[in-house]
């Protein structure tokens, strides 16, 4: 069921807040946030936690040859399997 964001209650908005933040949606421009000081403050606090967590676990890029190494390992494993 899709709710009209303008008519959301605080309870409805807050129940979706973590999912909205995690999805990358621009929550700052959500109609409810623009109207509700309580939910805006809650969002800002949640965003502070998210930003701190990102610093604890920085995004890492895989090595350039990762897929080649995986493919090679699979081929080795396939070659070592003997069928009877």
C-alpha atoms as a PDB file:
ATOM      1  CA  UNK A   1       0.000   0.000   0.000  1.00  0.00           C
ATOM      2  CA  UNK A   2       1.454   3.367  -1.014  1.00  0.00           C
ATOM      3  CA  UNK A   3       0.876   6.254   1.363  1.00  0.00           C
ATOM      4  CA  UNK A   4       0.686   9.901   0.442  1.00  0.00           C
ATOM      5  CA  UNK A   5       3.902  11.299   1.995  1.00  0.00           C
ATOM      6  CA  UNK A   6       2.182  14.607   2.748  1.00  0.00           C
ATOM      7  CA  UNK A   7      -0.460  12.947   4.906  1.00  0.00           C
ATOM      8  CA  UNK A   8       1.862  10.569   6.773  1.00  0.00           C
ATOM      9  CA  UNK A   9       1.718  10.520  10.534  1.00  0.00           C
ATOM     10  CA  UNK A  10       4.949  10.639  12.512  1.00  0.00           C
ATOM     11  CA  UNK A  11       4.472   6.974  13.397  1.00  0.00           C
ATOM     12  CA  UNK A  12       4.135   5.994   9.714  1.00  0.00           C
ATOM     13  CA  UNK A  13       7.137   8.077   8.699  1.00  0.00           C
ATOM     14  CA  UNK A  14       9.334   6.835  11.529  1.00  0.00           C
ATOM     15  CA  UNK A  15       8.486   3.217  10.740  1.00  0.00           C
ATOM     16  CA  UNK A  16       9.933   3.770   7.249  1.00  0.00           C
ATOM     17  CA  UNK A  17      12.821   6.079   8.175  1.00  0.00           C
ATOM     18  CA  UNK A  18      15.606   3.482   8.476  1.00  0.00           C
ATOM     19  CA  UNK A  19      14.608   1.944   5.135  1.00  0.00           C
ATOM     20  CA  UNK A  20      14.501   5.366   3.476  1.00  0.00           C
ATOM     21  CA  UNK A  21      17.953   6.285   4.780  1.00  0.00           C
ATOM     22  CA  UNK A  22      19.374   2.906   3.760  1.00  0.00           C
ATOM     23  CA  UNK A  23      17.906   3.120   0.257  1.00  0.00           C
ATOM     24  CA  UNK A  24      19.688   6.350  -0.582  1.00  0.00           C
ATOM     25  CA  UNK A  25      16.459   8.314  -1.045  1.00  0.00           C
ATOM     26  CA  UNK A  26      16.839  12.057  -0.492  1.00  0.00           C
ATOM     27  CA  UNK A  27      15.060  12.077   2.867  1.00  0.00           C
ATOM     28  CA  UNK A  28      15.816  15.753   3.491  1.00  0.00           C
ATOM     29  CA  UNK A  29      13.315  16.660   0.769  1.00  0.00           C
ATOM     30  CA  UNK A  30      10.607  14.272   1.952  1.00  0.00           C
ATOM     31  CA  UNK A  31       7.349  16.203   2.483  1.00  0.00           C
ATOM     32  CA  UNK A  32       6.929  14.950   6.056  1.00  0.00           C
ATOM     33  CA  UNK A  33      10.462  16.042   7.057  1.00  0.00           C
ATOM     34  CA  UNK A  34       9.800  19.521   5.724  1.00  0.00           C
ATOM     35  CA  UNK A  35       6.707  19.825   7.940  1.00  0.00           C
ATOM     36  CA  UNK A  36       7.705  17.976  11.128  1.00  0.00           C
ATOM     37  CA  UNK A  37      10.448  19.219  13.462  1.00  0.00           C
ATOM     38  CA  UNK A  38      10.414  16.036  15.559  1.00  0.00           C
ATOM     39  CA  UNK A  39      10.960  13.717  12.581  1.00  0.00           C
ATOM     40  CA  UNK A  40      13.517  16.076  11.064  1.00  0.00           C
ATOM     41  CA  UNK A  41      15.540  15.941  14.311  1.00  0.00           C
ATOM     42  CA  UNK A  42      15.209  12.146  14.426  1.00  0.00           C
ATOM     43  CA  UNK A  43      16.435  11.946  10.832  1.00  0.00           C
ATOM     44  CA  UNK A  44      19.423  14.190  11.587  1.00  0.00           C
ATOM     45  CA  UNK A  45      20.370  12.002  14.556  1.00  0.00           C
ATOM     46  CA  UNK A  46      20.039   8.837  12.467  1.00  0.00           C
ATOM     47  CA  UNK A  47      22.108  10.407   9.683  1.00  0.00           C
ATOM     48  CA  UNK A  48      24.850  11.243  12.227  1.00  0.00           C
ATOM     49  CA  UNK A  49      24.930   7.574  13.259  1.00  0.00           C
ATOM     50  CA  UNK A  50      25.054   6.440   9.621  1.00  0.00           C
ATOM     51  CA  UNK A  51      27.920   8.828   8.857  1.00  0.00           C
ATOM     52  CA  UNK A  52      29.872   7.612  11.915  1.00  0.00           C
ATOM     53  CA  UNK A  53      29.333   3.973  10.928  1.00  0.00           C
ATOM     54  CA  UNK A  54      30.646   4.679   7.423  1.00  0.00           C
ATOM     55  CA  UNK A  55      33.843   6.039   8.964  1.00  0.00           C
ATOM     56  CA  UNK A  56      34.250   2.881  11.038  1.00  0.00           C
ATOM     57  CA  UNK A  57      33.839   0.647   8.011  1.00  0.00           C
ATOM     58  CA  UNK A  58      35.054   2.537   4.944  1.00  0.00           C
ATOM     59  CA  UNK A  59      33.975   1.243   1.586  1.00  0.00           C
ATOM     60  CA  UNK A  60      36.659  -0.913   0.041  1.00  0.00           C
ATOM     61  CA  UNK A  61      37.134  -1.524  -3.642  1.00  0.00           C
ATOM     62  CA  UNK A  62      38.053  -5.052  -4.744  1.00  0.00           C
ATOM     63  CA  UNK A  63      41.409  -5.654  -6.361  1.00  0.00           C
ATOM     64  CA  UNK A  64      41.469  -5.244 -10.145  1.00  0.00           C
ATOM     65  CA  UNK A  65      42.165  -8.926 -10.766  1.00  0.00           C
ATOM     66  CA  UNK A  66      39.618 -10.333  -8.292  1.00  0.00           C
ATOM     67  CA  UNK A  67      37.288 -11.847 -10.900  1.00  0.00           C
ATOM     68  CA  UNK A  68      40.233 -13.380 -12.765  1.00  0.00           C
ATOM     69  CA  UNK A  69      41.427 -15.024  -9.536  1.00  0.00           C
ATOM     70  CA  UNK A  70      37.934 -16.335  -8.785  1.00  0.00           C
ATOM     71  CA  UNK A  71      37.595 -17.734 -12.309  1.00  0.00           C
ATOM     72  CA  UNK A  72      41.023 -19.358 -12.054  1.00  0.00           C
ATOM     73  CA  UNK A  73      40.170 -20.945  -8.694  1.00  0.00           C
ATOM     74  CA  UNK A  74      36.907 -22.322 -10.094  1.00  0.00           C
ATOM     75  CA  UNK A  75      38.690 -23.794 -13.097  1.00  0.00           C
ATOM     76  CA  UNK A  76      41.294 -25.402 -10.831  1.00  0.00           C
ATOM     77  CA  UNK A  77      38.579 -26.889  -8.666  1.00  0.00           C
ATOM     78  CA  UNK A  78      36.672 -28.173 -11.709  1.00  0.00           C
ATOM     79  CA  UNK A  79      39.859 -29.790 -13.013  1.00  0.00           C
ATOM     80  CA  UNK A  80      40.523 -31.580  -9.740  1.00  0.00           C
ATOM     81  CA  UNK A  81      37.045 -33.128  -9.543  1.00  0.00           C
ATOM     82  CA  UNK A  82      37.057 -36.681 -10.896  1.00  0.00           C
ATOM     83  CA  UNK A  83      33.870 -38.272 -12.082  1.00  0.00           C
ATOM     84  CA  UNK A  84      33.346 -41.989 -11.731  1.00  0.00           C
END
